[in-house]
Amino acid sequence: MDCPACNEKLAPTSYEGVRVTRCKTCEGYWLGAKELDEIKKKRGKKFAQKDIVKMKVLKEWKVLEAEKETGRKCPKCEEAMARVHYDGIPGLVIEKCVKNCGIWLDRGELEKIQIAEETK
């Protein structure tokens, strides 16, 4: 599969013991729902207190859930992906396949999702 962000080849790798697909060039991740659920259950990675506080503040803001096409294509089905707020959190905007093949996370977004899950 090709990276939806920079068109380089995606490669399999491991993140917290979960097999995922990653772009070595832009450091983004392609995940299916199963992989994301497995990662969210893990608590191996430690985060700075300032990042946890930032996420708690972001969660308090209210945003409208508005899907907008990004121009990026799903690496599996080639359909356009939509930009959405992850779990309604402003500042945590991810891209998802409109056919639900998976989600694309730019560099740093997977860690933000983990912090968001740990501060629930």
N, C-alpha and C. Protein backbone atom coordinates (compact mmCIF):
# COMPACT_ATOMS: atom_id res chain seq x y z
N MET A 1 0.84 -1.18 0.00
CA MET A 1 0.00 0.00 0.00
C MET A 1 0.89 1.24 0.00
N ASP A 2 0.34 2.31 -0.57
CA ASP A 2 1.06 3.58 -0.60
C ASP A 2 0.54 4.51 0.48
N CYS A 3 1.42 5.32 1.02
CA CYS A 3 1.09 6.29 2.06
C CYS A 3 0.14 7.34 1.49
N PRO A 4 -0.98 7.62 2.16
CA PRO A 4 -1.89 8.64 1.67
C PRO A 4 -1.34 10.06 1.82
N ALA A 5 -0.32 10.24 2.64
CA ALA A 5 0.25 11.58 2.88
C ALA A 5 1.37 11.91 1.90
N CYS A 6 2.29 10.95 1.67
CA CYS A 6 3.47 11.28 0.85
C CYS A 6 3.70 10.29 -0.29
N ASN A 7 2.83 9.31 -0.45
CA ASN A 7 2.86 8.34 -1.55
C ASN A 7 4.03 7.34 -1.49
N GLU A 8 4.77 7.31 -0.40
CA GLU A 8 5.81 6.30 -0.24
C GLU A 8 5.15 4.96 0.11
N LYS A 9 5.90 3.90 0.05
CA LYS A 9 5.37 2.58 0.39
C LYS A 9 5.21 2.45 1.91
N LEU A 10 4.10 1.88 2.33
CA LEU A 10 3.87 1.60 3.75
C LEU A 10 4.50 0.25 4.07
N ALA A 11 4.98 0.11 5.29
CA ALA A 11 5.65 -1.12 5.70
C ALA A 11 5.08 -1.61 7.03
N PRO A 12 4.99 -2.93 7.20
CA PRO A 12 4.52 -3.45 8.48
C PRO A 12 5.56 -3.20 9.58
N THR A 13 5.06 -2.92 10.77
CA THR A 13 5.92 -2.71 11.94
C THR A 13 5.12 -3.05 13.19
N SER A 14 5.74 -2.90 14.32
CA SER A 14 5.06 -3.18 15.59
C SER A 14 5.01 -1.90 16.42
N TYR A 15 3.86 -1.66 17.04
CA TYR A 15 3.69 -0.52 17.95
C TYR A 15 3.06 -1.07 19.22
N GLU A 16 3.77 -1.01 20.31
CA GLU A 16 3.33 -1.56 21.60
C GLU A 16 2.89 -3.03 21.44
N GLY A 17 3.62 -3.75 20.62
CA GLY A 17 3.34 -5.17 20.43
C GLY A 17 2.21 -5.47 19.47
N VAL A 18 1.64 -4.46 18.84
CA VAL A 18 0.54 -4.63 17.89
C VAL A 18 1.09 -4.42 16.48
N ARG A 19 0.76 -5.33 15.59
CA ARG A 19 1.22 -5.22 14.20
C ARG A 19 0.42 -4.13 13.50
N VAL A 20 1.12 -3.11 12.98
CA VAL A 20 0.51 -1.98 12.29
C VAL A 20 1.28 -1.72 11.01
N THR A 21 0.81 -0.76 10.22
CA THR A 21 1.48 -0.38 8.99
C THR A 21 1.91 1.08 9.14
N ARG A 22 3.16 1.37 8.74
CA ARG A 22 3.72 2.70 8.97
C ARG A 22 4.49 3.19 7.75
N CYS A 23 4.50 4.50 7.59
CA CYS A 23 5.31 5.13 6.56
C CYS A 23 6.62 5.57 7.21
N LYS A 24 7.71 5.07 6.70
CA LYS A 24 9.02 5.43 7.26
C LYS A 24 9.41 6.87 6.92
N THR A 25 8.83 7.42 5.88
CA THR A 25 9.19 8.77 5.45
C THR A 25 8.50 9.84 6.29
N CYS A 26 7.17 9.81 6.36
CA CYS A 26 6.45 10.85 7.11
C CYS A 26 6.06 10.40 8.51
N GLU A 27 6.32 9.14 8.84
CA GLU A 27 6.09 8.56 10.16
C GLU A 27 4.62 8.47 10.56
N GLY A 28 3.72 8.39 9.56
CA GLY A 28 2.31 8.20 9.82
C GLY A 28 1.98 6.72 9.96
N TYR A 29 0.78 6.44 10.50
CA TYR A 29 0.32 5.06 10.71
C TYR A 29 -1.00 4.83 10.00
N TRP A 30 -1.16 3.64 9.41
CA TRP A 30 -2.43 3.18 8.88
C TRP A 30 -2.89 2.07 9.81
N LEU A 31 -4.08 2.24 10.41
CA LEU A 31 -4.59 1.27 11.36
C LEU A 31 -6.02 0.88 11.02
N GLY A 32 -6.34 -0.39 11.24
CA GLY A 32 -7.72 -0.83 11.20
C GLY A 32 -8.30 -0.68 12.60
N ALA A 33 -9.61 -0.82 12.72
CA ALA A 33 -10.27 -0.65 14.03
C ALA A 33 -9.73 -1.63 15.06
N LYS A 34 -9.43 -2.84 14.64
CA LYS A 34 -8.93 -3.86 15.57
C LYS A 34 -7.58 -3.46 16.16
N GLU A 35 -6.70 -2.97 15.31
CA GLU A 35 -5.37 -2.57 15.78
C GLU A 35 -5.46 -1.39 16.75
N LEU A 36 -6.30 -0.42 16.42
CA LEU A 36 -6.45 0.73 17.30
C LEU A 36 -7.03 0.31 18.65
N ASP A 37 -8.01 -0.58 18.65
CA ASP A 37 -8.58 -1.06 19.91
C ASP A 37 -7.53 -1.76 20.76
N GLU A 38 -6.68 -2.57 20.14
CA GLU A 38 -5.61 -3.25 20.88
C GLU A 38 -4.63 -2.26 21.49
N ILE A 39 -4.26 -1.24 20.72
CA ILE A 39 -3.31 -0.23 21.22
C ILE A 39 -3.92 0.56 22.36
N LYS A 40 -5.20 0.90 22.25
CA LYS A 40 -5.86 1.69 23.29
C LYS A 40 -5.91 0.94 24.62
N LYS A 41 -5.95 -0.38 24.58
CA LYS A 41 -6.00 -1.18 25.80
C LYS A 41 -4.64 -1.26 26.50
N LYS A 42 -3.58 -1.03 25.74
CA LYS A 42 -2.23 -1.12 26.30
C LYS A 42 -1.94 0.12 27.13
N ARG A 43 -1.10 -0.03 28.11
CA ARG A 43 -0.70 1.11 28.94
C ARG A 43 0.82 1.12 29.12
N GLY A 44 1.55 0.61 28.14
CA GLY A 44 3.00 0.49 28.25
C GLY A 44 3.74 1.80 28.08
N LYS A 45 3.24 2.66 27.22
CA LYS A 45 3.93 3.91 26.93
C LYS A 45 3.60 4.94 28.00
N LYS A 46 4.61 5.67 28.44
CA LYS A 46 4.43 6.72 29.45
C LYS A 46 4.45 8.08 28.77
N PHE A 47 3.61 8.99 29.25
CA PHE A 47 3.49 10.31 28.65
C PHE A 47 3.80 11.39 29.68
N ALA A 48 4.30 12.51 29.19
CA ALA A 48 4.63 13.64 30.07
C ALA A 48 3.35 14.21 30.67
N GLN A 49 3.42 14.65 31.91
CA GLN A 49 2.26 15.21 32.59
C GLN A 49 1.68 16.40 31.84
N LYS A 50 2.54 17.22 31.22
CA LYS A 50 2.04 18.38 30.48
C LYS A 50 1.17 17.96 29.29
N ASP A 51 1.50 16.84 28.64
CA ASP A 51 0.70 16.35 27.53
C ASP A 51 -0.65 15.81 28.01
N ILE A 52 -0.66 15.19 29.17
CA ILE A 52 -1.90 14.69 29.75
C ILE A 52 -2.81 15.86 30.11
N VAL A 53 -2.25 16.91 30.69
CA VAL A 53 -3.04 18.10 31.06
C VAL A 53 -3.61 18.76 29.81
N LYS A 54 -2.80 18.89 28.75
CA LYS A 54 -3.27 19.48 27.49
C LYS A 54 -4.48 18.72 26.97
N MET A 55 -4.42 17.39 27.01
CA MET A 55 -5.51 16.58 26.48
C MET A 55 -6.77 16.76 27.32
N LYS A 56 -6.62 16.85 28.62
CA LYS A 56 -7.79 17.08 29.49
C LYS A 56 -8.46 18.40 29.15
N VAL A 57 -7.67 19.44 28.89
CA VAL A 57 -8.22 20.74 28.53
C VAL A 57 -8.93 20.66 27.17
N LEU A 58 -8.30 20.01 26.20
CA LEU A 58 -8.91 19.88 24.87
C LEU A 58 -10.25 19.17 24.94
N LYS A 59 -10.37 18.15 25.78
CA LYS A 59 -11.61 17.38 25.89
C LYS A 59 -12.77 18.22 26.40
N GLU A 60 -12.48 19.29 27.11
CA GLU A 60 -13.54 20.13 27.66
C GLU A 60 -14.16 21.04 26.61
N TRP A 61 -13.49 21.28 25.52
CA TRP A 61 -14.01 22.13 24.46
C TRP A 61 -15.03 21.34 23.65
N LYS A 62 -16.04 21.99 23.17
CA LYS A 62 -17.07 21.33 22.36
C LYS A 62 -16.87 21.70 20.90
N VAL A 63 -17.00 20.72 20.02
CA VAL A 63 -16.85 20.95 18.59
C VAL A 63 -17.95 20.23 17.84
N LEU A 64 -18.25 20.72 16.67
CA LEU A 64 -19.19 20.03 15.80
C LEU A 64 -18.43 18.96 15.03
N GLU A 65 -19.03 17.81 14.90
CA GLU A 65 -18.42 16.72 14.15
C GLU A 65 -18.72 16.95 12.67
N ALA A 66 -17.77 17.47 11.94
CA ALA A 66 -17.98 17.78 10.52
C ALA A 66 -16.98 16.99 9.69
N GLU A 67 -17.49 16.15 8.82
CA GLU A 67 -16.62 15.38 7.94
C GLU A 67 -16.31 16.19 6.69
N LYS A 68 -15.04 16.27 6.36
CA LYS A 68 -14.60 16.96 5.15
C LYS A 68 -13.59 16.09 4.45
N GLU A 69 -13.74 15.95 3.15
CA GLU A 69 -12.76 15.18 2.40
C GLU A 69 -11.41 15.88 2.45
N THR A 70 -10.35 15.07 2.50
CA THR A 70 -9.02 15.62 2.65
C THR A 70 -8.23 15.69 1.35
N GLY A 71 -8.66 14.97 0.35
CA GLY A 71 -7.87 14.87 -0.87
C GLY A 71 -6.94 13.66 -0.82
N ARG A 72 -6.77 13.10 0.37
CA ARG A 72 -5.96 11.89 0.51
C ARG A 72 -6.86 10.68 0.23
N LYS A 73 -6.25 9.65 -0.31
CA LYS A 73 -6.99 8.43 -0.66
C LYS A 73 -6.67 7.31 0.31
N CYS A 74 -7.65 6.48 0.58
CA CYS A 74 -7.46 5.30 1.41
C CYS A 74 -6.45 4.38 0.73
N PRO A 75 -5.43 3.91 1.45
CA PRO A 75 -4.45 3.03 0.81
C PRO A 75 -5.01 1.66 0.45
N LYS A 76 -6.17 1.30 1.00
CA LYS A 76 -6.76 -0.01 0.68
C LYS A 76 -7.73 0.06 -0.49
N CYS A 77 -8.70 0.99 -0.42
CA CYS A 77 -9.76 1.01 -1.43
C CYS A 77 -9.68 2.18 -2.40
N GLU A 78 -8.75 3.11 -2.16
CA GLU A 78 -8.53 4.27 -3.02
C GLU A 78 -9.65 5.31 -2.98
N GLU A 79 -10.62 5.16 -2.07
CA GLU A 79 -11.67 6.17 -1.91
C GLU A 79 -11.11 7.34 -1.11
N ALA A 80 -11.77 8.49 -1.23
CA ALA A 80 -11.34 9.67 -0.47
C ALA A 80 -11.51 9.42 1.02
N MET A 81 -10.64 10.01 1.82
CA MET A 81 -10.78 9.90 3.27
C MET A 81 -11.40 11.19 3.80
N ALA A 82 -12.04 11.07 4.95
CA ALA A 82 -12.68 12.22 5.59
C ALA A 82 -11.88 12.64 6.81
N ARG A 83 -11.86 13.93 7.07
CA ARG A 83 -11.19 14.48 8.25
C ARG A 83 -12.24 14.60 9.35
N VAL A 84 -11.98 13.99 10.51
CA VAL A 84 -12.92 14.01 11.63
C VAL A 84 -12.19 14.28 12.94
N HIS A 85 -12.93 14.77 13.93
CA HIS A 85 -12.37 14.93 15.27
C HIS A 85 -12.44 13.57 15.95
N TYR A 86 -11.31 13.06 16.41
CA TYR A 86 -11.31 11.78 17.11
C TYR A 86 -12.07 11.94 18.42
N ASP A 87 -13.09 11.15 18.61
CA ASP A 87 -13.88 11.11 19.85
C ASP A 87 -14.40 12.50 20.23
N GLY A 88 -14.62 13.37 19.22
CA GLY A 88 -15.13 14.71 19.46
C GLY A 88 -14.15 15.67 20.10
N ILE A 89 -12.87 15.34 20.08
CA ILE A 89 -11.84 16.16 20.73
C ILE A 89 -11.25 17.15 19.74
N PRO A 90 -11.40 18.47 19.99
CA PRO A 90 -10.78 19.44 19.09
C PRO A 90 -9.26 19.34 19.21
N GLY A 91 -8.58 19.60 18.14
CA GLY A 91 -7.12 19.49 18.17
C GLY A 91 -6.63 18.08 17.93
N LEU A 92 -7.55 17.13 17.84
CA LEU A 92 -7.19 15.74 17.55
C LEU A 92 -7.98 15.31 16.32
N VAL A 93 -7.54 15.85 15.18
CA VAL A 93 -8.21 15.60 13.91
C VAL A 93 -7.46 14.48 13.19
N ILE A 94 -8.20 13.45 12.81
CA ILE A 94 -7.62 12.31 12.10
C ILE A 94 -8.35 12.14 10.78
N GLU A 95 -7.84 11.24 9.97
CA GLU A 95 -8.50 10.93 8.70
C GLU A 95 -8.97 9.49 8.72
N LYS A 96 -10.18 9.28 8.22
CA LYS A 96 -10.72 7.93 8.16
C LYS A 96 -11.25 7.64 6.77
N CYS A 97 -11.19 6.39 6.40
CA CYS A 97 -11.72 5.95 5.12
C CYS A 97 -13.24 6.06 5.18
N VAL A 98 -13.85 6.59 4.14
CA VAL A 98 -15.31 6.72 4.12
C VAL A 98 -16.00 5.37 4.03
N LYS A 99 -15.26 4.33 3.62
CA LYS A 99 -15.81 2.97 3.57
C LYS A 99 -15.39 2.15 4.79
N ASN A 100 -14.79 2.82 5.78
CA ASN A 100 -14.37 2.20 7.04
C ASN A 100 -13.28 1.14 6.89
N CYS A 101 -12.38 1.32 5.93
CA CYS A 101 -11.24 0.41 5.81
C CYS A 101 -10.27 0.60 6.96
N GLY A 102 -10.18 1.83 7.46
CA GLY A 102 -9.24 2.13 8.53
C GLY A 102 -9.07 3.62 8.71
N ILE A 103 -8.06 3.98 9.50
CA ILE A 103 -7.78 5.40 9.75
C ILE A 103 -6.32 5.70 9.46
N TRP A 104 -6.05 6.95 9.10
CA TRP A 104 -4.68 7.40 8.89
C TRP A 104 -4.35 8.37 10.02
N LEU A 105 -3.22 8.14 10.66
CA LEU A 105 -2.75 8.99 11.74
C LEU A 105 -1.41 9.59 11.35
N ASP A 106 -1.36 10.91 11.26
CA ASP A 106 -0.10 11.58 11.00
C ASP A 106 0.80 11.45 12.22
N ARG A 107 2.07 11.81 12.05
CA ARG A 107 3.05 11.69 13.13
C ARG A 107 2.52 12.35 14.42
N GLY A 108 2.57 11.62 15.51
CA GLY A 108 2.17 12.12 16.82
C GLY A 108 0.72 11.90 17.19
N GLU A 109 -0.12 11.59 16.21
CA GLU A 109 -1.55 11.44 16.50
C GLU A 109 -1.87 10.14 17.24
N LEU A 110 -1.13 9.09 17.00
CA LEU A 110 -1.38 7.84 17.73
C LEU A 110 -1.11 8.04 19.22
N GLU A 111 -0.05 8.76 19.53
CA GLU A 111 0.26 9.03 20.93
C GLU A 111 -0.82 9.90 21.56
N LYS A 112 -1.36 10.86 20.81
CA LYS A 112 -2.45 11.70 21.32
C LYS A 112 -3.69 10.86 21.62
N ILE A 113 -3.97 9.89 20.77
CA ILE A 113 -5.12 9.00 21.02
C ILE A 113 -4.89 8.21 22.30
N GLN A 114 -3.68 7.71 22.49
CA GLN A 114 -3.38 6.97 23.72
C GLN A 114 -3.58 7.85 24.94
N ILE A 115 -3.12 9.08 24.89
CA ILE A 115 -3.29 10.00 26.02
C ILE A 115 -4.77 10.27 26.25
N ALA A 116 -5.53 10.46 25.16
CA ALA A 116 -6.97 10.70 25.29
C ALA A 116 -7.66 9.52 25.97
N GLU A 117 -7.29 8.31 25.60
CA GLU A 117 -7.89 7.13 26.19
C GLU A 117 -7.51 6.98 27.66
N GLU A 118 -6.28 7.32 27.99
CA GLU A 118 -5.82 7.17 29.37
C GLU A 118 -6.38 8.24 30.29
N THR A 119 -6.91 9.33 29.73
CA THR A 119 -7.47 10.39 30.57
C THR A 119 -8.99 10.35 30.60
N LYS A 120 -9.58 9.24 30.18
CA LYS A 120 -11.05 9.10 30.24
C LYS A 120 -11.50 8.86 31.66
